[in-house]
Amino acid sequence: MKTFIKFIAFLIAMSVLTSCYSYTTVVGNGAQGNQKINKWNHYVIGGLAPVGVSDSKVMAGGAENYTIHTRQSFINGLLSFVTWGLYTPTTTTVTK
C-alpha cells in the first residue's frame, strides 16, 4: 500500500511541477496595434518532432513591425498530459 501511495504522490508531483515555457520575439519596432492572430503548432514525442508548425511571417500578413509570442497554454499542456507527451502542441500568437 505504501508503494501505491508513493506512486500516486509521484504522479501528482510530476503533474504540478511541470514547467510551461514561453518565448517572445520582437520584429522591427514590435506590435503597433492590438490585432492578434493565433495558431497551434503540432509536435510529437515531447516536442522533438514537428508535424505542423505555423509560419509567423505569413501570420503577420506582410507587416514590418510585429511581436511573436509562443507558449504552451493550459489546453496545450492538458493535451500533452492526456497523451503522455506523445502529442505536445504549443500556441503562437502574432500581434501587429
PDB file of N, CA and C in Angstrom:
ATOM      1  N   MET A   1       0.813  -1.194   0.000  1.00  0.00           N
ATOM      2  CA  MET A   1       0.000   0.000   0.000  1.00  0.00           C
ATOM      3  C   MET A   1       0.855   1.257   0.000  1.00  0.00           C
ATOM      4  N   LYS A   2       2.000   1.246   0.719  1.00  0.00           N
ATOM      5  CA  LYS A   2       2.874   2.408   0.748  1.00  0.00           C
ATOM      6  C   LYS A   2       3.450   2.695  -0.634  1.00  0.00           C
ATOM      7  N   THR A   3       3.725   1.636  -1.372  1.00  0.00           N
ATOM      8  CA  THR A   3       4.261   1.820  -2.721  1.00  0.00           C
ATOM      9  C   THR A   3       3.237   2.509  -3.604  1.00  0.00           C
ATOM     10  N   PHE A   4       1.983   2.124  -3.472  1.00  0.00           N
ATOM     11  CA  PHE A   4       0.918   2.744  -4.259  1.00  0.00           C
ATOM     12  C   PHE A   4       0.777   4.218  -3.907  1.00  0.00           C
ATOM     13  N   ILE A   5       0.820   4.553  -2.632  1.00  0.00           N
ATOM     14  CA  ILE A   5       0.707   5.946  -2.197  1.00  0.00           C
ATOM     15  C   ILE A   5       1.890   6.755  -2.711  1.00  0.00           C
ATOM     16  N   LYS A   6       3.082   6.185  -2.677  1.00  0.00           N
ATOM     17  CA  LYS A   6       4.263   6.879  -3.214  1.00  0.00           C
ATOM     18  C   LYS A   6       4.121   7.109  -4.711  1.00  0.00           C
ATOM     19  N   PHE A   7       3.567   6.119  -5.410  1.00  0.00           N
ATOM     20  CA  PHE A   7       3.368   6.250  -6.852  1.00  0.00           C
ATOM     21  C   PHE A   7       2.375   7.368  -7.154  1.00  0.00           C
ATOM     22  N   ILE A   8       1.272   7.417  -6.424  1.00  0.00           N
ATOM     23  CA  ILE A   8       0.278   8.486  -6.616  1.00  0.00           C
ATOM     24  C   ILE A   8       0.891   9.842  -6.298  1.00  0.00           C
ATOM     25  N   ALA A   9       1.667   9.933  -5.227  1.00  0.00           N
ATOM     26  CA  ALA A   9       2.336  11.191  -4.872  1.00  0.00           C
ATOM     27  C   ALA A   9       3.302  11.601  -5.971  1.00  0.00           C
ATOM     28  N   PHE A  10       3.999  10.641  -6.552  1.00  0.00           N
ATOM     29  CA  PHE A  10       4.919  10.911  -7.657  1.00  0.00           C
ATOM     30  C   PHE A  10       4.158  11.469  -8.863  1.00  0.00           C
ATOM     31  N   LEU A  11       3.032  10.853  -9.225  1.00  0.00           N
ATOM     32  CA  LEU A  11       2.236  11.330 -10.360  1.00  0.00           C
ATOM     33  C   LEU A  11       1.711  12.736 -10.122  1.00  0.00           C
ATOM     34  N   ILE A  12       1.255  13.014  -8.916  1.00  0.00           N
ATOM     35  CA  ILE A  12       0.763  14.356  -8.599  1.00  0.00           C
ATOM     36  C   ILE A  12       1.902  15.373  -8.683  1.00  0.00           C
ATOM     37  N   ALA A  13       3.058  15.023  -8.148  1.00  0.00           N
ATOM     38  CA  ALA A  13       4.212  15.927  -8.200  1.00  0.00           C
ATOM     39  C   ALA A  13       4.644  16.184  -9.644  1.00  0.00           C
ATOM     40  N   MET A  14       4.633  15.164 -10.469  1.00  0.00           N
ATOM     41  CA  MET A  14       5.022  15.337 -11.870  1.00  0.00           C
ATOM     42  C   MET A  14       4.027  16.215 -12.618  1.00  0.00           C
ATOM     43  N   SER A  15       2.761  16.161 -12.254  1.00  0.00           N
ATOM     44  CA  SER A  15       1.753  16.997 -12.904  1.00  0.00           C
ATOM     45  C   SER A  15       1.867  18.443 -12.464  1.00  0.00           C
ATOM     46  N   VAL A  16       2.113  18.658 -11.192  1.00  0.00           N
ATOM     47  CA  VAL A  16       2.138  20.007 -10.634  1.00  0.00           C
ATOM     48  C   VAL A  16       3.460  20.713 -10.920  1.00  0.00           C
ATOM     49  N   LEU A  17       4.541  19.987 -10.951  1.00  0.00           N
ATOM     50  CA  LEU A  17       5.860  20.596 -11.083  1.00  0.00           C
ATOM     51  C   LEU A  17       6.368  20.676 -12.514  1.00  0.00           C
ATOM     52  N   THR A  18       5.500  20.478 -13.486  1.00  0.00           N
ATOM     53  CA  THR A  18       5.933  20.606 -14.877  1.00  0.00           C
ATOM     54  C   THR A  18       6.165  22.074 -15.189  1.00  0.00           C
ATOM     55  N   SER A  19       7.022  22.331 -16.124  1.00  0.00           N
ATOM     56  CA  SER A  19       7.295  23.721 -16.483  1.00  0.00           C
ATOM     57  C   SER A  19       6.618  24.055 -17.807  1.00  0.00           C
ATOM     58  N   CYS A  20       5.985  25.180 -17.839  1.00  0.00           N
ATOM     59  CA  CYS A  20       5.416  25.680 -19.078  1.00  0.00           C
ATOM     60  C   CYS A  20       6.416  26.672 -19.645  1.00  0.00           C
ATOM     61  N   TYR A  21       6.579  26.640 -20.923  1.00  0.00           N
ATOM     62  CA  TYR A  21       7.569  27.540 -21.497  1.00  0.00           C
ATOM     63  C   TYR A  21       6.885  28.545 -22.405  1.00  0.00           C
ATOM     64  N   SER A  22       7.537  29.680 -22.533  1.00  0.00           N
ATOM     65  CA  SER A  22       7.056  30.693 -23.452  1.00  0.00           C
ATOM     66  C   SER A  22       8.239  31.547 -23.869  1.00  0.00           C
ATOM     67  N   TYR A  23       8.166  32.049 -25.068  1.00  0.00           N
ATOM     68  CA  TYR A  23       9.189  32.981 -25.517  1.00  0.00           C
ATOM     69  C   TYR A  23       8.564  33.998 -26.457  1.00  0.00           C
ATOM     70  N   THR A  24       9.167  35.184 -26.468  1.00  0.00           N
ATOM     71  CA  THR A  24       8.665  36.303 -27.256  1.00  0.00           C
ATOM     72  C   THR A  24       9.768  36.818 -28.164  1.00  0.00           C
ATOM     73  N   THR A  25       9.388  37.100 -29.404  1.00  0.00           N
ATOM     74  CA  THR A  25      10.314  37.666 -30.376  1.00  0.00           C
ATOM     75  C   THR A  25       9.699  38.953 -30.907  1.00  0.00           C
ATOM     76  N   VAL A  26      10.487  40.018 -30.942  1.00  0.00           N
ATOM     77  CA  VAL A  26      10.027  41.303 -31.453  1.00  0.00           C
ATOM     78  C   VAL A  26      10.673  41.522 -32.814  1.00  0.00           C
ATOM     79  N   VAL A  27       9.845  41.787 -33.820  1.00  0.00           N
ATOM     80  CA  VAL A  27      10.323  42.048 -35.174  1.00  0.00           C
ATOM     81  C   VAL A  27      10.104  43.524 -35.468  1.00  0.00           C
ATOM     82  N   GLY A  28      11.147  44.190 -35.943  1.00  0.00           N
ATOM     83  CA  GLY A  28      11.061  45.631 -36.197  1.00  0.00           C
ATOM     84  C   GLY A  28      10.904  46.377 -34.887  1.00  0.00           C
ATOM     85  N   ASN A  29       9.887  47.235 -34.824  1.00  0.00           N
ATOM     86  CA  ASN A  29       9.608  48.000 -33.604  1.00  0.00           C
ATOM     87  C   ASN A  29       8.596  47.306 -32.699  1.00  0.00           C
ATOM     88  N   GLY A  30       8.220  46.088 -33.030  1.00  0.00           N
ATOM     89  CA  GLY A  30       7.223  45.386 -32.232  1.00  0.00           C
ATOM     90  C   GLY A  30       5.822  45.739 -32.663  1.00  0.00           C
ATOM     91  N   ALA A  31       4.850  45.181 -31.980  1.00  0.00           N
ATOM     92  CA  ALA A  31       3.442  45.383 -32.327  1.00  0.00           C
ATOM     93  C   ALA A  31       3.069  46.852 -32.211  1.00  0.00           C
ATOM     94  N   GLN A  32       2.409  47.376 -33.234  1.00  0.00           N
ATOM     95  CA  GLN A  32       1.964  48.766 -33.249  1.00  0.00           C
ATOM     96  C   GLN A  32       0.475  48.870 -32.919  1.00  0.00           C
ATOM     97  N   GLY A  33      -0.208  47.757 -32.944  1.00  0.00           N
ATOM     98  CA  GLY A  33      -1.644  47.734 -32.634  1.00  0.00           C
ATOM     99  C   GLY A  33      -1.945  46.561 -31.723  1.00  0.00           C
ATOM    100  N   ASN A  34      -3.196  46.140 -31.728  1.00  0.00           N
ATOM    101  CA  ASN A  34      -3.560  45.012 -30.881  1.00  0.00           C
ATOM    102  C   ASN A  34      -4.292  43.916 -31.648  1.00  0.00           C
ATOM    103  N   GLN A  35      -4.066  43.841 -32.950  1.00  0.00           N
ATOM    104  CA  GLN A  35      -4.645  42.765 -33.755  1.00  0.00           C
ATOM    105  C   GLN A  35      -3.841  41.490 -33.506  1.00  0.00           C
ATOM    106  N   LYS A  36      -4.521  40.416 -33.086  1.00  0.00           N
ATOM    107  CA  LYS A  36      -3.830  39.174 -32.742  1.00  0.00           C
ATOM    108  C   LYS A  36      -4.305  38.031 -33.626  1.00  0.00           C
ATOM    109  N   ILE A  37      -3.361  37.209 -34.052  1.00  0.00           N
ATOM    110  CA  ILE A  37      -3.644  36.000 -34.815  1.00  0.00           C
ATOM    111  C   ILE A  37      -3.031  34.834 -34.063  1.00  0.00           C
ATOM    112  N   ASN A  38      -3.840  33.816 -33.748  1.00  0.00           N
ATOM    113  CA  ASN A  38      -3.370  32.639 -33.014  1.00  0.00           C
ATOM    114  C   ASN A  38      -3.372  31.409 -33.907  1.00  0.00           C
ATOM    115  N   LYS A  39      -2.335  30.599 -33.793  1.00  0.00           N
ATOM    116  CA  LYS A  39      -2.274  29.308 -34.483  1.00  0.00           C
ATOM    117  C   LYS A  39      -1.576  28.308 -33.573  1.00  0.00           C
ATOM    118  N   TRP A  40      -1.973  27.054 -33.704  1.00  0.00           N
ATOM    119  CA  TRP A  40      -1.341  25.981 -32.947  1.00  0.00           C
ATOM    120  C   TRP A  40      -0.191  25.394 -33.734  1.00  0.00           C
ATOM    121  N   ASN A  41       0.840  24.984 -33.025  1.00  0.00           N
ATOM    122  CA  ASN A  41       1.969  24.240 -33.588  1.00  0.00           C
ATOM    123  C   ASN A  41       1.839  22.811 -33.077  1.00  0.00           C
ATOM    124  N   HIS A  42       2.050  21.841 -33.949  1.00  0.00           N
ATOM    125  CA  HIS A  42       1.841  20.439 -33.588  1.00  0.00           C
ATOM    126  C   HIS A  42       3.175  19.704 -33.555  1.00  0.00           C
ATOM    127  N   TYR A  43       3.464  19.102 -32.408  1.00  0.00           N
ATOM    128  CA  TYR A  43       4.685  18.328 -32.206  1.00  0.00           C
ATOM    129  C   TYR A  43       4.324  16.955 -31.643  1.00  0.00           C
ATOM    130  N   VAL A  44       5.192  15.994 -31.861  1.00  0.00           N
ATOM    131  CA  VAL A  44       5.016  14.669 -31.262  1.00  0.00           C
ATOM    132  C   VAL A  44       6.276  14.305 -30.493  1.00  0.00           C
ATOM    133  N   ILE A  45       6.179  13.300 -29.674  1.00  0.00           N
ATOM    134  CA  ILE A  45       7.271  12.781 -28.848  1.00  0.00           C
ATOM    135  C   ILE A  45       7.885  13.885 -27.983  1.00  0.00           C
ATOM    136  N   GLY A  46       7.047  14.508 -27.184  1.00  0.00           N
ATOM    137  CA  GLY A  46       7.521  15.516 -26.245  1.00  0.00           C
ATOM    138  C   GLY A  46       8.068  16.771 -26.891  1.00  0.00           C
ATOM    139  N   GLY A  47       7.649  17.062 -28.105  1.00  0.00           N
ATOM    140  CA  GLY A  47       8.111  18.264 -28.792  1.00  0.00           C
ATOM    141  C   GLY A  47       9.356  18.066 -29.631  1.00  0.00           C
ATOM    142  N   LEU A  48       9.829  16.825 -29.753  1.00  0.00           N
ATOM    143  CA  LEU A  48      11.056  16.570 -30.515  1.00  0.00           C
ATOM    144  C   LEU A  48      10.848  16.577 -32.019  1.00  0.00           C
ATOM    145  N   ALA A  49       9.684  16.150 -32.462  1.00  0.00           N
ATOM    146  CA  ALA A  49       9.441  16.039 -33.901  1.00  0.00           C
ATOM    147  C   ALA A  49       8.275  16.951 -34.302  1.00  0.00           C
ATOM    148  N   PRO A  50       8.565  18.007 -35.079  1.00  0.00           N
ATOM    149  CA  PRO A  50       7.484  18.890 -35.521  1.00  0.00           C
ATOM    150  C   PRO A  50       6.655  18.221 -36.617  1.00  0.00           C
ATOM    151  N   VAL A  51       5.339  18.344 -36.499  1.00  0.00           N
ATOM    152  CA  VAL A  51       4.434  17.806 -37.509  1.00  0.00           C
ATOM    153  C   VAL A  51       3.847  18.944 -38.333  1.00  0.00           C
ATOM    154  N   GLY A  52       3.459  20.021 -37.670  1.00  0.00           N
ATOM    155  CA  GLY A  52       2.917  21.192 -38.345  1.00  0.00           C
ATOM    156  C   GLY A  52       3.223  22.429 -37.519  1.00  0.00           C
ATOM    157  N   VAL A  53       4.045  23.301 -38.049  1.00  0.00           N
ATOM    158  CA  VAL A  53       4.466  24.497 -37.320  1.00  0.00           C
ATOM    159  C   VAL A  53       4.008  25.728 -38.098  1.00  0.00           C
ATOM    160  N   SER A  54       3.449  26.693 -37.399  1.00  0.00           N
ATOM    161  CA  SER A  54       2.948  27.908 -38.038  1.00  0.00           C
ATOM    162  C   SER A  54       4.107  28.785 -38.513  1.00  0.00           C
ATOM    163  N   ASP A  55       3.850  29.557 -39.553  1.00  0.00           N
ATOM    164  CA  ASP A  55       4.842  30.490 -40.104  1.00  0.00           C
ATOM    165  C   ASP A  55       4.457  31.898 -39.672  1.00  0.00           C
ATOM    166  N   SER A  56       5.263  32.493 -38.806  1.00  0.00           N
ATOM    167  CA  SER A  56       4.922  33.806 -38.244  1.00  0.00           C
ATOM    168  C   SER A  56       4.923  34.907 -39.310  1.00  0.00           C
ATOM    169  N   LYS A  57       5.757  34.799 -40.340  1.00  0.00           N
ATOM    170  CA  LYS A  57       5.745  35.809 -41.411  1.00  0.00           C
ATOM    171  C   LYS A  57       4.422  35.798 -42.152  1.00  0.00           C
ATOM    172  N   VAL A  58       3.898  34.616 -42.406  1.00  0.00           N
ATOM    173  CA  VAL A  58       2.596  34.503 -43.068  1.00  0.00           C
ATOM    174  C   VAL A  58       1.498  35.017 -42.149  1.00  0.00           C
ATOM    175  N   MET A  59       1.598  34.681 -40.868  1.00  0.00           N
ATOM    176  CA  MET A  59       0.602  35.149 -39.901  1.00  0.00           C
ATOM    177  C   MET A  59       0.611  36.668 -39.788  1.00  0.00           C
ATOM    178  N   ALA A  60       1.777  37.293 -39.947  1.00  0.00           N
ATOM    179  CA  ALA A  60       1.894  38.750 -39.853  1.00  0.00           C
ATOM    180  C   ALA A  60       1.304  39.440 -41.075  1.00  0.00           C
ATOM    181  N   GLY A  61       1.140  38.713 -42.159  1.00  0.00           N
ATOM    182  CA  GLY A  61       0.494  39.282 -43.345  1.00  0.00           C
ATOM    183  C   GLY A  61       1.248  40.430 -43.969  1.00  0.00           C
ATOM    184  N   GLY A  62       2.562  40.378 -44.005  1.00  0.00           N
ATOM    185  CA  GLY A  62       3.363  41.414 -44.645  1.00  0.00           C
ATOM    186  C   GLY A  62       3.689  42.602 -43.753  1.00  0.00           C
ATOM    187  N   ALA A  63       3.280  42.586 -42.520  1.00  0.00           N
ATOM    188  CA  ALA A  63       3.600  43.691 -41.609  1.00  0.00           C
ATOM    189  C   ALA A  63       5.099  43.699 -41.319  1.00  0.00           C
ATOM    190  N   GLU A  64       5.655  44.885 -41.142  1.00  0.00           N
ATOM    191  CA  GLU A  64       7.083  45.015 -40.847  1.00  0.00           C
ATOM    192  C   GLU A  64       7.360  45.052 -39.348  1.00  0.00           C
ATOM    193  N   ASN A  65       6.385  45.424 -38.557  1.00  0.00           N
ATOM    194  CA  ASN A  65       6.541  45.518 -37.106  1.00  0.00           C
ATOM    195  C   ASN A  65       5.492  44.639 -36.435  1.00  0.00           C
ATOM    196  N   TYR A  66       5.946  43.613 -35.742  1.00  0.00           N
ATOM    197  CA  TYR A  66       5.029  42.718 -35.044  1.00  0.00           C
ATOM    198  C   TYR A  66       5.768  41.976 -33.937  1.00  0.00           C
ATOM    199  N   THR A  67       4.998  41.365 -33.056  1.00  0.00           N
ATOM    200  CA  THR A  67       5.547  40.613 -31.931  1.00  0.00           C
ATOM    201  C   THR A  67       5.028  39.189 -31.997  1.00  0.00           C
ATOM    202  N   ILE A  68       5.925  38.232 -31.811  1.00  0.00           N
ATOM    203  CA  ILE A  68       5.573  36.815 -31.830  1.00  0.00           C
ATOM    204  C   ILE A  68       5.701  36.278 -30.406  1.00  0.00           C
ATOM    205  N   HIS A  69       4.656  35.617 -29.934  1.00  0.00           N
ATOM    206  CA  HIS A  69       4.679  35.019 -28.595  1.00  0.00           C
ATOM    207  C   HIS A  69       4.281  33.551 -28.732  1.00  0.00           C
ATOM    208  N   THR A  70       5.191  32.662 -28.414  1.00  0.00           N
ATOM    209  CA  THR A  70       4.927  31.225 -28.481  1.00  0.00           C
ATOM    210  C   THR A  70       4.943  30.666 -27.068  1.00  0.00           C
ATOM    211  N   ARG A  71       3.922  29.877 -26.750  1.00  0.00           N
ATOM    212  CA  ARG A  71       3.794  29.360 -25.390  1.00  0.00           C
ATOM    213  C   ARG A  71       3.025  28.045 -25.410  1.00  0.00           C
ATOM    214  N   GLN A  72       3.091  27.365 -24.281  1.00  0.00           N
ATOM    215  CA  GLN A  72       2.252  26.195 -24.077  1.00  0.00           C
ATOM    216  C   GLN A  72       1.127  26.629 -23.155  1.00  0.00           C
ATOM    217  N   SER A  73      -0.067  26.755 -23.705  1.00  0.00           N
ATOM    218  CA  SER A  73      -1.218  27.195 -22.916  1.00  0.00           C
ATOM    219  C   SER A  73      -1.710  26.053 -22.035  1.00  0.00           C
ATOM    220  N   PHE A  74      -2.682  26.351 -21.199  1.00  0.00           N
ATOM    221  CA  PHE A  74      -3.247  25.325 -20.326  1.00  0.00           C
ATOM    222  C   PHE A  74      -3.828  24.176 -21.140  1.00  0.00           C
ATOM    223  N   ILE A  75      -4.568  24.507 -22.193  1.00  0.00           N
ATOM    224  CA  ILE A  75      -5.171  23.471 -23.042  1.00  0.00           C
ATOM    225  C   ILE A  75      -4.077  22.646 -23.723  1.00  0.00           C
ATOM    226  N   ASN A  76      -3.018  23.313 -24.208  1.00  0.00           N
ATOM    227  CA  ASN A  76      -1.896  22.593 -24.816  1.00  0.00           C
ATOM    228  C   ASN A  76      -1.264  21.634 -23.817  1.00  0.00           C
ATOM    229  N   GLY A  77      -1.045  22.114 -22.601  1.00  0.00           N
ATOM    230  CA  GLY A  77      -0.443  21.282 -21.563  1.00  0.00           C
ATOM    231  C   GLY A  77      -1.341  20.131 -21.165  1.00  0.00           C
ATOM    232  N   LEU A  78      -2.647  20.378 -21.131  1.00  0.00           N
ATOM    233  CA  LEU A  78      -3.598  19.327 -20.794  1.00  0.00           C
ATOM    234  C   LEU A  78      -3.575  18.222 -21.850  1.00  0.00           C
ATOM    235  N   LEU A  79      -3.561  18.605 -23.113  1.00  0.00           N
ATOM    236  CA  LEU A  79      -3.480  17.609 -24.187  1.00  0.00           C
ATOM    237  C   LEU A  79      -2.180  16.826 -24.119  1.00  0.00           C
ATOM    238  N   SER A  80      -1.102  17.508 -23.820  1.00  0.00           N
ATOM    239  CA  SER A  80       0.188  16.828 -23.677  1.00  0.00           C
ATOM    240  C   SER A  80       0.146  15.842 -22.516  1.00  0.00           C
ATOM    241  N   PHE A  81      -0.481  16.242 -21.411  1.00  0.00           N
ATOM    242  CA  PHE A  81      -0.588  15.373 -20.240  1.00  0.00           C
ATOM    243  C   PHE A  81      -1.447  14.152 -20.548  1.00  0.00           C
ATOM    244  N   VAL A  82      -2.589  14.366 -21.203  1.00  0.00           N
ATOM    245  CA  VAL A  82      -3.514  13.273 -21.507  1.00  0.00           C
ATOM    246  C   VAL A  82      -2.869  12.249 -22.445  1.00  0.00           C
ATOM    247  N   THR A  83      -2.042  12.723 -23.366  1.00  0.00           N
ATOM    248  CA  THR A  83      -1.400  11.810 -24.327  1.00  0.00           C
ATOM    249  C   THR A  83      -0.030  11.337 -23.852  1.00  0.00           C
ATOM    250  N   TRP A  84       0.296  11.604 -22.592  1.00  0.00           N
ATOM    251  CA  TRP A  84       1.590  11.209 -22.004  1.00  0.00           C
ATOM    252  C   TRP A  84       2.767  11.764 -22.807  1.00  0.00           C
ATOM    253  N   GLY A  85       2.618  12.951 -23.381  1.00  0.00           N
ATOM    254  CA  GLY A  85       3.711  13.605 -24.096  1.00  0.00           C
ATOM    255  C   GLY A  85       3.892  13.152 -25.531  1.00  0.00           C
ATOM    256  N   LEU A  86       3.042  12.250 -26.010  1.00  0.00           N
ATOM    257  CA  LEU A  86       3.170  11.832 -27.405  1.00  0.00           C
ATOM    258  C   LEU A  86       2.775  12.957 -28.352  1.00  0.00           C
ATOM    259  N   TYR A  87       1.760  13.717 -27.983  1.00  0.00           N
ATOM    260  CA  TYR A  87       1.335  14.888 -28.754  1.00  0.00           C
ATOM    261  C   TYR A  87       1.535  16.102 -27.859  1.00  0.00           C
ATOM    262  N   THR A  88       2.368  17.050 -28.310  1.00  0.00           N
ATOM    263  CA  THR A  88       2.724  18.199 -27.486  1.00  0.00           C
ATOM    264  C   THR A  88       2.538  19.485 -28.290  1.00  0.00           C
ATOM    265  N   PRO A  89       1.344  20.058 -28.275  1.00  0.00           N
ATOM    266  CA  PRO A  89       1.102  21.290 -29.037  1.00  0.00           C
ATOM    267  C   PRO A  89       1.567  22.543 -28.305  1.00  0.00           C
ATOM    268  N   THR A  90       1.795  23.597 -29.049  1.00  0.00           N
ATOM    269  CA  THR A  90       2.046  24.933 -28.497  1.00  0.00           C
ATOM    270  C   THR A  90       1.166  25.909 -29.272  1.00  0.00           C
ATOM    271  N   THR A  91       1.071  27.130 -28.771  1.00  0.00           N
ATOM    272  CA  THR A  91       0.279  28.175 -29.432  1.00  0.00           C
ATOM    273  C   THR A  91       1.184  29.346 -29.766  1.00  0.00           C
ATOM    274  N   THR A  92       1.098  29.822 -30.997  1.00  0.00           N
ATOM    275  CA  THR A  92       1.825  31.015 -31.419  1.00  0.00           C
ATOM    276  C   THR A  92       0.824  32.144 -31.647  1.00  0.00           C
ATOM    277  N   THR A  93       1.127  33.305 -31.053  1.00  0.00           N
ATOM    278  CA  THR A  93       0.297  34.491 -31.242  1.00  0.00           C
ATOM    279  C   THR A  93       1.145  35.577 -31.880  1.00  0.00           C
ATOM    280  N   VAL A  94       0.666  36.106 -32.997  1.00  0.00           N
ATOM    281  CA  VAL A  94       1.332  37.237 -33.645  1.00  0.00           C
ATOM    282  C   VAL A  94       0.456  38.462 -33.416  1.00  0.00           C
ATOM    283  N   THR A  95       1.049  39.483 -32.809  1.00  0.00           N
ATOM    284  CA  THR A  95       0.364  40.745 -32.565  1.00  0.00           C
ATOM    285  C   THR A  95       0.975  41.777 -33.485  1.00  0.00           C
ATOM    286  N   LYS A  96       0.110  42.468 -34.245  1.00  0.00           N
ATOM    287  CA  LYS A  96       0.629  43.500 -35.166  1.00  0.00           C
ATOM    288  C   LYS A  96      -0.134  44.788 -35.040  1.00  0.00           C
TER     289      LYS A  96
END
